């Protein structure tokens, strides 16, 4: 889904027609909402993670300082 969102943004930024990609994105969102509805109907009651939770759970990437990396050798 992130790929489709990025391609829609790219097309909009380049002032191109994004109708197909935007419709595909809306279809994916509709499917996700249906799946969440089915999950809740089946007894799912857990709190689903939102974007802030997902970002917080990502491992932090540390940049390697090239000078220190060479000094360690």
Protein backbone atom coordinates (compact mmCIF):
# COMPACT_ATOMS: atom_id res chain seq x y z
CA UNK A 1 0.00 0.00 0.00
CA UNK A 2 2.88 2.35 0.73
CA UNK A 3 4.13 1.83 -2.82
CA UNK A 4 0.80 2.86 -4.28
CA UNK A 5 0.62 5.92 -2.01
CA UNK A 6 4.11 6.96 -3.10
CA UNK A 7 3.27 6.52 -6.77
CA UNK A 8 0.09 8.62 -6.37
CA UNK A 9 2.10 11.38 -4.68
CA UNK A 10 4.72 11.20 -7.43
CA UNK A 11 2.10 11.45 -10.16
CA UNK A 12 0.37 14.38 -8.44
CA UNK A 13 3.69 16.17 -7.94
CA UNK A 14 4.48 15.77 -11.63
CA UNK A 15 0.95 16.97 -12.55
CA UNK A 16 0.05 13.59 -14.13
CA UNK A 17 -3.20 11.61 -14.13
CA UNK A 18 -3.29 9.44 -11.02
CA UNK A 19 -6.84 8.11 -11.39
CA UNK A 20 -5.89 4.42 -11.70
CA UNK A 21 -3.41 4.46 -8.84
CA UNK A 22 -5.75 6.49 -6.60
CA UNK A 23 -8.62 4.07 -7.26
CA UNK A 24 -6.32 1.14 -6.47
CA UNK A 25 -5.31 2.86 -3.23
CA UNK A 26 -8.94 3.42 -2.24
CA UNK A 27 -9.70 -0.22 -3.06
CA UNK A 28 -6.88 -1.38 -0.77
CA UNK A 29 -8.16 0.84 2.03
CA UNK A 30 -11.67 -0.54 1.51
CA UNK A 31 -10.32 -4.10 1.73
CA UNK A 32 -8.41 -3.31 4.91
CA UNK A 33 -11.55 -1.85 6.48
CA UNK A 34 -13.49 -4.98 5.52
CA UNK A 35 -10.81 -7.21 7.02
CA UNK A 36 -10.83 -5.19 10.24
CA UNK A 37 -14.63 -5.45 10.35
CA UNK A 38 -14.46 -9.24 9.90
CA UNK A 39 -11.78 -9.48 12.55
CA UNK A 40 -13.89 -7.49 15.03
CA UNK A 41 -16.99 -9.57 14.19
CA UNK A 42 -14.99 -12.72 14.93
CA UNK A 43 -14.22 -11.44 18.42
CA UNK A 44 -11.08 -9.45 17.81
CA UNK A 45 -10.85 -6.76 20.41
CA UNK A 46 -7.19 -5.90 20.63
CA UNK A 47 -6.14 -2.36 19.92
CA UNK A 48 -4.58 -2.28 16.48
CA UNK A 49 -1.32 -0.35 16.10
CA UNK A 50 -1.47 3.01 14.40
CA UNK A 51 1.29 4.83 12.55
CA UNK A 52 2.82 6.28 15.73
CA UNK A 53 3.05 2.82 17.27
CA UNK A 54 4.63 1.36 14.14
CA UNK A 55 7.25 4.10 13.96
CA UNK A 56 8.05 3.76 17.65
CA UNK A 57 8.53 -0.02 17.28
CA UNK A 58 10.96 0.27 14.35
CA UNK A 59 14.56 -0.43 15.21
CA UNK A 60 16.65 2.73 15.26
CA UNK A 61 19.25 2.79 12.52
CA UNK A 62 22.61 4.03 13.66
CA UNK A 63 24.89 5.69 11.18
CA UNK A 64 28.38 4.29 11.07
CA UNK A 65 31.05 6.93 11.45
CA UNK A 66 33.58 6.06 8.69
CA UNK A 67 36.47 7.55 10.67
CA UNK A 68 35.78 5.34 13.68
CA UNK A 69 35.20 2.29 11.49
CA UNK A 70 38.65 2.73 9.92
CA UNK A 71 40.29 3.40 13.32
CA UNK A 72 38.94 0.12 14.69
CA UNK A 73 40.70 -1.93 12.05
